């Protein structure tokens, strides 16, 4: 359900006028709007986390249109993208055409002629520890 931005802007102006809080410029409105959109987006992840913690009951499993987990995942899926990274000089980088990343889901490495392998996500500290041992160092079969 799309809502016209001009309608929202005029509604905000009328609320501000009724409460005698002054005027909001279009630039201020855009900044507030961007922040509100980001907060709504982040709330989807919190909602999904909460729904995944709730034990499923028989009534919830049969509810096709009232499945909260599925509904929240559908809201998030609109923003999901899949992009390729370019490999050069020993590291991967994103091209300028790729949009800015807000959250990273699953990373996969697909060696030539092989099936995709999920890359293990590490902190810098964990990566430094992994690199110190030949047994735990990353390989093509176990990338980090």
N, C-alpha and C. Protein backbone atom coordinates (compact mmCIF):
# COMPACT_ATOMS: atom_id res chain seq x y z
N UNK A 1 0.84 -1.17 0.00
CA UNK A 1 0.00 0.00 0.00
C UNK A 1 0.89 1.23 0.00
N UNK A 2 0.93 1.95 -1.09
CA UNK A 2 1.76 3.14 -1.22
C UNK A 2 0.97 4.38 -0.78
N UNK A 3 1.68 5.27 -0.09
CA UNK A 3 1.08 6.52 0.37
C UNK A 3 1.84 7.66 -0.27
N UNK A 4 1.12 8.62 -0.78
CA UNK A 4 1.73 9.78 -1.42
C UNK A 4 2.50 10.60 -0.38
N UNK A 5 3.75 10.94 -0.69
CA UNK A 5 4.60 11.70 0.23
C UNK A 5 4.00 13.08 0.50
N UNK A 6 3.41 13.69 -0.52
CA UNK A 6 2.80 15.01 -0.35
C UNK A 6 1.65 14.96 0.66
N UNK A 7 0.88 13.88 0.63
CA UNK A 7 -0.22 13.71 1.60
C UNK A 7 0.32 13.64 3.02
N UNK A 8 1.39 12.87 3.21
CA UNK A 8 2.00 12.75 4.53
C UNK A 8 2.55 14.10 4.97
N UNK A 9 3.22 14.81 4.06
CA UNK A 9 3.81 16.11 4.39
C UNK A 9 2.74 17.11 4.81
N UNK A 10 1.64 17.19 4.06
CA UNK A 10 0.57 18.13 4.42
C UNK A 10 -0.09 17.74 5.74
N UNK A 11 -0.20 16.44 6.00
CA UNK A 11 -0.75 15.99 7.28
C UNK A 11 0.15 16.41 8.44
N UNK A 12 1.46 16.23 8.28
CA UNK A 12 2.42 16.64 9.32
C UNK A 12 2.34 18.14 9.54
N UNK A 13 2.26 18.91 8.46
CA UNK A 13 2.15 20.37 8.60
C UNK A 13 0.87 20.77 9.34
N UNK A 14 -0.23 20.11 9.03
CA UNK A 14 -1.48 20.46 9.71
C UNK A 14 -1.42 20.09 11.20
N UNK A 15 -0.78 18.98 11.54
CA UNK A 15 -0.63 18.61 12.95
C UNK A 15 0.25 19.63 13.67
N UNK A 16 1.35 20.02 13.03
CA UNK A 16 2.23 21.02 13.64
C UNK A 16 1.50 22.35 13.82
N UNK A 17 0.68 22.71 12.85
CA UNK A 17 -0.07 23.97 12.93
C UNK A 17 -1.10 23.92 14.06
N UNK A 18 -1.79 22.79 14.20
CA UNK A 18 -2.80 22.66 15.25
C UNK A 18 -2.17 22.70 16.63
N UNK A 19 -0.99 22.11 16.76
CA UNK A 19 -0.32 22.10 18.06
C UNK A 19 0.55 23.34 18.26
N UNK A 20 0.53 24.24 17.30
CA UNK A 20 1.29 25.50 17.34
C UNK A 20 2.78 25.26 17.58
N UNK A 21 3.32 24.32 16.85
CA UNK A 21 4.74 24.01 16.96
C UNK A 21 5.55 24.62 15.82
N UNK A 22 4.92 25.34 14.96
CA UNK A 22 5.65 26.00 13.89
C UNK A 22 5.57 25.28 12.57
N UNK A 23 6.57 25.55 11.73
CA UNK A 23 6.59 25.06 10.36
C UNK A 23 7.75 24.09 10.19
N UNK A 24 7.58 23.13 9.32
CA UNK A 24 8.64 22.17 9.01
C UNK A 24 8.97 22.29 7.53
N UNK A 25 10.23 22.55 7.22
CA UNK A 25 10.65 22.68 5.82
C UNK A 25 10.66 21.30 5.17
N UNK A 26 10.59 21.25 3.84
CA UNK A 26 10.68 19.95 3.16
C UNK A 26 11.97 19.20 3.48
N UNK A 27 13.08 19.93 3.63
CA UNK A 27 14.35 19.27 3.97
C UNK A 27 14.29 18.63 5.35
N UNK A 28 13.72 19.34 6.33
CA UNK A 28 13.56 18.76 7.67
C UNK A 28 12.64 17.54 7.62
N UNK A 29 11.58 17.65 6.83
CA UNK A 29 10.64 16.54 6.68
C UNK A 29 11.34 15.32 6.10
N UNK A 30 12.17 15.52 5.08
CA UNK A 30 12.90 14.41 4.46
C UNK A 30 13.85 13.74 5.46
N UNK A 31 14.53 14.55 6.27
CA UNK A 31 15.44 13.98 7.27
C UNK A 31 14.69 13.16 8.31
N UNK A 32 13.57 13.70 8.79
CA UNK A 32 12.76 12.98 9.76
C UNK A 32 12.18 11.72 9.12
N UNK A 33 11.71 11.85 7.88
CA UNK A 33 11.15 10.70 7.17
C UNK A 33 12.15 9.59 6.99
N UNK A 34 13.38 9.93 6.65
CA UNK A 34 14.43 8.92 6.49
C UNK A 34 14.69 8.20 7.80
N UNK A 35 14.75 8.95 8.88
CA UNK A 35 14.99 8.35 10.20
C UNK A 35 13.84 7.44 10.61
N UNK A 36 12.62 7.87 10.35
CA UNK A 36 11.45 7.06 10.71
C UNK A 36 11.42 5.77 9.89
N UNK A 37 11.74 5.87 8.60
CA UNK A 37 11.78 4.67 7.76
C UNK A 37 12.82 3.68 8.27
N UNK A 38 13.98 4.18 8.68
CA UNK A 38 15.03 3.31 9.21
C UNK A 38 14.58 2.64 10.51
N UNK A 39 13.90 3.38 11.36
CA UNK A 39 13.40 2.81 12.61
C UNK A 39 12.35 1.73 12.35
N UNK A 40 11.48 1.95 11.38
CA UNK A 40 10.47 0.95 11.02
C UNK A 40 11.16 -0.30 10.48
N UNK A 41 12.17 -0.11 9.62
CA UNK A 41 12.92 -1.23 9.05
C UNK A 41 13.60 -2.03 10.16
N UNK A 42 14.25 -1.37 11.10
CA UNK A 42 14.93 -2.05 12.20
C UNK A 42 13.92 -2.79 13.08
N UNK A 43 12.73 -2.25 13.21
CA UNK A 43 11.69 -2.89 14.03
C UNK A 43 11.27 -4.23 13.43
N UNK A 44 11.34 -4.37 12.11
CA UNK A 44 11.02 -5.65 11.48
C UNK A 44 11.90 -6.77 12.04
N UNK A 45 13.19 -6.50 12.22
CA UNK A 45 14.12 -7.51 12.73
C UNK A 45 13.81 -7.84 14.19
N UNK A 46 13.47 -6.83 14.97
CA UNK A 46 13.09 -7.07 16.36
C UNK A 46 11.81 -7.90 16.43
N UNK A 47 10.84 -7.58 15.58
CA UNK A 47 9.58 -8.33 15.55
C UNK A 47 9.83 -9.78 15.15
N UNK A 48 10.67 -10.00 14.14
CA UNK A 48 10.97 -11.36 13.70
C UNK A 48 11.66 -12.14 14.81
N UNK A 49 12.60 -11.51 15.49
CA UNK A 49 13.30 -12.15 16.59
C UNK A 49 12.31 -12.57 17.68
N UNK A 50 11.38 -11.70 18.01
CA UNK A 50 10.38 -12.02 19.04
C UNK A 50 9.47 -13.16 18.59
N UNK A 51 9.05 -13.14 17.33
CA UNK A 51 8.15 -14.19 16.83
C UNK A 51 8.84 -15.54 16.77
N UNK A 52 10.13 -15.56 16.47
CA UNK A 52 10.86 -16.82 16.42
C UNK A 52 11.04 -17.44 17.80
N UNK A 53 10.94 -16.64 18.83
CA UNK A 53 11.09 -17.13 20.21
C UNK A 53 9.79 -17.71 20.76
N UNK A 54 8.67 -17.36 20.16
CA UNK A 54 7.37 -17.83 20.64
C UNK A 54 7.15 -19.26 20.15
N UNK A 55 6.82 -20.18 21.07
CA UNK A 55 6.55 -21.56 20.63
C UNK A 55 5.31 -21.60 19.73
N UNK A 56 5.43 -22.34 18.63
CA UNK A 56 4.30 -22.46 17.70
C UNK A 56 3.24 -23.38 18.27
N UNK A 57 2.01 -22.98 18.09
CA UNK A 57 0.89 -23.82 18.51
C UNK A 57 0.13 -24.25 17.26
N UNK A 58 -0.69 -25.25 17.39
CA UNK A 58 -1.41 -25.82 16.24
C UNK A 58 -2.22 -24.77 15.50
N UNK A 59 -2.84 -23.87 16.21
CA UNK A 59 -3.66 -22.84 15.56
C UNK A 59 -2.81 -21.91 14.72
N UNK A 60 -1.57 -21.62 15.16
CA UNK A 60 -0.69 -20.73 14.42
C UNK A 60 -0.18 -21.40 13.14
N UNK A 61 0.02 -22.71 13.16
CA UNK A 61 0.55 -23.41 12.00
C UNK A 61 -0.46 -23.44 10.85
N UNK A 62 -1.74 -23.43 11.18
CA UNK A 62 -2.78 -23.50 10.16
C UNK A 62 -3.20 -22.13 9.63
N UNK A 63 -2.75 -21.07 10.25
CA UNK A 63 -3.18 -19.72 9.90
C UNK A 63 -2.34 -19.18 8.74
N UNK A 64 -2.79 -19.40 7.53
CA UNK A 64 -2.04 -18.99 6.34
C UNK A 64 -1.84 -17.48 6.27
N UNK A 65 -2.89 -16.73 6.52
CA UNK A 65 -2.82 -15.28 6.37
C UNK A 65 -2.49 -14.57 7.67
N UNK A 66 -2.41 -15.29 8.76
CA UNK A 66 -2.09 -14.68 10.05
C UNK A 66 -0.75 -15.15 10.59
N UNK A 67 0.08 -15.72 9.73
CA UNK A 67 1.40 -16.20 10.14
C UNK A 67 2.32 -15.00 10.33
N UNK A 68 2.61 -14.65 11.57
CA UNK A 68 3.39 -13.45 11.87
C UNK A 68 4.83 -13.57 11.39
N UNK A 69 5.41 -14.75 11.51
CA UNK A 69 6.80 -14.94 11.06
C UNK A 69 6.88 -14.73 9.55
N UNK A 70 5.99 -15.37 8.83
CA UNK A 70 5.98 -15.26 7.37
C UNK A 70 5.73 -13.81 6.93
N UNK A 71 4.80 -13.14 7.60
CA UNK A 71 4.49 -11.75 7.26
C UNK A 71 5.70 -10.84 7.47
N UNK A 72 6.39 -11.01 8.59
CA UNK A 72 7.57 -10.19 8.87
C UNK A 72 8.70 -10.51 7.89
N UNK A 73 8.89 -11.79 7.57
CA UNK A 73 9.92 -12.16 6.59
C UNK A 73 9.61 -11.57 5.22
N UNK A 74 8.33 -11.50 4.85
CA UNK A 74 7.95 -10.89 3.57
C UNK A 74 8.25 -9.40 3.56
N UNK A 75 8.05 -8.73 4.70
CA UNK A 75 8.37 -7.30 4.79
C UNK A 75 9.86 -7.07 4.61
N UNK A 76 10.68 -7.94 5.19
CA UNK A 76 12.13 -7.81 5.08
C UNK A 76 12.61 -8.18 3.68
N UNK A 77 11.99 -9.18 3.07
CA UNK A 77 12.46 -9.70 1.78
C UNK A 77 12.45 -8.65 0.67
N UNK A 78 11.62 -7.63 0.80
CA UNK A 78 11.57 -6.56 -0.20
C UNK A 78 12.93 -5.87 -0.31
N UNK A 79 13.65 -5.80 0.80
CA UNK A 79 14.91 -5.08 0.85
C UNK A 79 16.12 -5.96 0.58
N UNK A 80 15.93 -7.27 0.48
CA UNK A 80 17.05 -8.18 0.27
C UNK A 80 17.55 -8.11 -1.17
N UNK A 81 18.86 -8.11 -1.30
CA UNK A 81 19.48 -8.14 -2.62
C UNK A 81 20.61 -9.16 -2.62
N UNK A 82 21.01 -9.53 -3.80
CA UNK A 82 22.13 -10.44 -3.97
C UNK A 82 23.09 -9.80 -4.96
N UNK A 83 24.34 -9.66 -4.57
CA UNK A 83 25.33 -9.02 -5.43
C UNK A 83 26.60 -9.84 -5.50
N UNK A 84 27.33 -9.66 -6.57
CA UNK A 84 28.62 -10.31 -6.73
C UNK A 84 29.72 -9.34 -6.33
N UNK A 85 30.78 -9.89 -5.75
CA UNK A 85 31.95 -9.10 -5.39
C UNK A 85 33.06 -9.41 -6.38
N UNK A 86 33.91 -8.44 -6.65
CA UNK A 86 35.03 -8.67 -7.55
C UNK A 86 36.28 -8.97 -6.73
N UNK A 87 37.06 -9.92 -7.22
CA UNK A 87 38.28 -10.34 -6.54
C UNK A 87 39.48 -9.76 -7.27
N UNK A 88 40.28 -9.00 -6.53
CA UNK A 88 41.49 -8.41 -7.11
C UNK A 88 42.50 -8.17 -6.00
N UNK A 89 43.74 -8.45 -6.29
CA UNK A 89 44.85 -8.20 -5.36
C UNK A 89 44.63 -8.87 -4.01
N UNK A 90 44.10 -10.08 -4.01
CA UNK A 90 43.97 -10.84 -2.78
C UNK A 90 42.79 -10.51 -1.90
N UNK A 91 41.87 -9.65 -2.37
CA UNK A 91 40.70 -9.34 -1.54
C UNK A 91 39.49 -9.08 -2.43
N UNK A 92 38.32 -9.15 -1.83
CA UNK A 92 37.07 -8.90 -2.53
C UNK A 92 36.63 -7.46 -2.29
N UNK A 93 36.01 -6.86 -3.30
CA UNK A 93 35.49 -5.50 -3.14
C UNK A 93 34.18 -5.37 -3.91
N UNK A 94 33.38 -4.41 -3.48
CA UNK A 94 32.11 -4.15 -4.14
C UNK A 94 32.32 -3.12 -5.24
N UNK A 95 31.57 -3.28 -6.31
CA UNK A 95 31.64 -2.28 -7.36
C UNK A 95 30.85 -1.05 -6.94
N UNK A 96 31.09 0.06 -7.60
CA UNK A 96 30.38 1.30 -7.27
C UNK A 96 28.89 1.21 -7.60
N UNK A 97 28.51 0.26 -8.46
CA UNK A 97 27.11 0.12 -8.85
C UNK A 97 26.26 -0.50 -7.74
N UNK A 98 26.90 -1.21 -6.80
CA UNK A 98 26.15 -1.84 -5.71
C UNK A 98 25.69 -0.80 -4.71
N UNK A 99 24.49 -0.95 -4.19
CA UNK A 99 24.00 0.02 -3.20
C UNK A 99 24.73 -0.14 -1.86
N UNK A 100 24.57 0.85 -1.02
CA UNK A 100 25.17 0.78 0.31
C UNK A 100 24.54 -0.37 1.09
N UNK A 101 25.35 -1.04 1.89
CA UNK A 101 24.87 -2.18 2.67
C UNK A 101 24.49 -1.70 4.06
N UNK A 102 23.30 -2.08 4.49
CA UNK A 102 22.86 -1.74 5.85
C UNK A 102 23.05 -2.94 6.78
N UNK A 103 22.71 -4.11 6.31
CA UNK A 103 22.88 -5.36 7.06
C UNK A 103 23.35 -6.44 6.10
N UNK A 104 24.14 -7.36 6.63
CA UNK A 104 24.63 -8.46 5.81
C UNK A 104 23.99 -9.75 6.31
N UNK A 105 23.43 -10.49 5.40
CA UNK A 105 22.83 -11.78 5.73
C UNK A 105 23.86 -12.88 5.56
N UNK A 106 23.65 -13.75 4.60
CA UNK A 106 24.54 -14.88 4.35
C UNK A 106 25.52 -14.51 3.25
N UNK A 107 26.78 -14.84 3.47
CA UNK A 107 27.81 -14.65 2.45
C UNK A 107 28.22 -16.02 1.94
N UNK A 108 28.29 -16.14 0.60
CA UNK A 108 28.67 -17.41 0.00
C UNK A 108 29.82 -17.20 -0.97
N UNK A 109 30.66 -18.21 -1.03
CA UNK A 109 31.78 -18.23 -1.95
C UNK A 109 31.54 -19.39 -2.90
N UNK A 110 31.67 -19.13 -4.19
CA UNK A 110 31.42 -20.18 -5.17
C UNK A 110 32.68 -20.41 -6.00
N UNK A 111 33.50 -21.38 -5.57
CA UNK A 111 34.70 -21.67 -6.35
C UNK A 111 34.31 -22.16 -7.74
N UNK A 112 35.15 -21.88 -8.70
CA UNK A 112 34.87 -22.26 -10.09
C UNK A 112 34.63 -23.76 -10.18
N UNK A 113 33.48 -24.14 -10.72
CA UNK A 113 33.15 -25.54 -10.92
C UNK A 113 32.71 -26.27 -9.66
N UNK A 114 32.42 -25.55 -8.60
CA UNK A 114 32.01 -26.19 -7.34
C UNK A 114 30.68 -25.62 -6.86
N UNK A 115 30.14 -26.25 -5.86
CA UNK A 115 28.92 -25.76 -5.24
C UNK A 115 29.24 -24.60 -4.30
N UNK A 116 28.29 -23.72 -4.04
CA UNK A 116 28.54 -22.60 -3.14
C UNK A 116 28.88 -23.07 -1.72
N UNK A 117 29.78 -22.33 -1.09
CA UNK A 117 30.19 -22.60 0.29
C UNK A 117 29.88 -21.36 1.11
N UNK A 118 29.21 -21.53 2.26
CA UNK A 118 28.91 -20.39 3.11
C UNK A 118 30.18 -19.93 3.82
N UNK A 119 30.40 -18.63 3.80
CA UNK A 119 31.58 -18.06 4.44
C UNK A 119 31.27 -17.83 5.91
N UNK A 120 32.21 -18.25 6.77
CA UNK A 120 32.04 -18.05 8.20
C UNK A 120 32.35 -16.60 8.54
N UNK A 121 31.47 -15.97 9.31
CA UNK A 121 31.65 -14.58 9.70
C UNK A 121 32.46 -14.53 10.99
N UNK A 122 33.52 -13.70 11.00
CA UNK A 122 34.40 -13.57 12.16
C UNK A 122 34.60 -12.11 12.53
N UNK A 123 34.88 -11.88 13.80
CA UNK A 123 35.32 -10.55 14.22
C UNK A 123 36.80 -10.43 13.87
N UNK A 124 37.35 -9.23 13.96
CA UNK A 124 38.77 -9.04 13.66
C UNK A 124 39.63 -9.86 14.62
N UNK A 125 39.24 -9.92 15.87
CA UNK A 125 39.99 -10.70 16.87
C UNK A 125 39.96 -12.18 16.52
N UNK A 126 38.78 -12.71 16.17
CA UNK A 126 38.67 -14.12 15.79
C UNK A 126 39.48 -14.42 14.54
N UNK A 127 39.46 -13.49 13.57
CA UNK A 127 40.22 -13.68 12.34
C UNK A 127 41.72 -13.76 12.63
N UNK A 128 42.20 -12.88 13.49
CA UNK A 128 43.62 -12.91 13.85
C UNK A 128 44.00 -14.23 14.50
N UNK A 129 43.14 -14.76 15.36
CA UNK A 129 43.42 -16.05 15.99
C UNK A 129 43.40 -17.19 14.97
N UNK A 130 42.46 -17.17 14.05
CA UNK A 130 42.36 -18.21 13.03
C UNK A 130 43.59 -18.22 12.13
N UNK A 131 44.10 -17.05 11.80
CA UNK A 131 45.25 -16.94 10.91
C UNK A 131 46.54 -17.48 11.53
N UNK A 132 46.61 -17.57 12.84
CA UNK A 132 47.85 -17.99 13.52
C UNK A 132 48.11 -19.48 13.43
N UNK A 133 47.12 -20.27 13.11
CA UNK A 133 47.29 -21.72 13.09
C UNK A 133 47.05 -22.27 11.69
N UNK A 134 47.89 -23.21 11.29
CA UNK A 134 47.69 -23.85 9.99
C UNK A 134 46.44 -24.73 9.99
N UNK A 135 46.05 -25.22 11.17
CA UNK A 135 44.87 -26.07 11.26
C UNK A 135 43.57 -25.29 11.07
N UNK A 136 43.55 -24.04 11.51
CA UNK A 136 42.32 -23.25 11.44
C UNK A 136 42.34 -22.18 10.36
N UNK A 137 43.43 -22.08 9.61
CA UNK A 137 43.54 -21.06 8.57
C UNK A 137 42.47 -21.29 7.49
N UNK A 138 41.94 -20.22 6.92
CA UNK A 138 40.90 -20.38 5.89
C UNK A 138 41.43 -21.10 4.65
N UNK A 139 40.55 -21.87 4.03
CA UNK A 139 40.87 -22.55 2.78
C UNK A 139 39.72 -22.31 1.80
N UNK A 140 39.85 -22.84 0.59
CA UNK A 140 38.76 -22.70 -0.39
C UNK A 140 37.52 -23.47 0.06
N UNK A 141 37.74 -24.57 0.79
CA UNK A 141 36.61 -25.35 1.27
C UNK A 141 36.02 -24.77 2.56
N UNK A 142 36.79 -23.97 3.31
CA UNK A 142 36.33 -23.37 4.56
C UNK A 142 36.75 -21.90 4.60
N UNK A 143 36.10 -21.05 3.81
CA UNK A 143 36.49 -19.64 3.77
C UNK A 143 35.94 -18.87 4.97
N UNK A 144 36.67 -17.81 5.34
CA UNK A 144 36.21 -16.91 6.41
C UNK A 144 36.27 -15.48 5.93
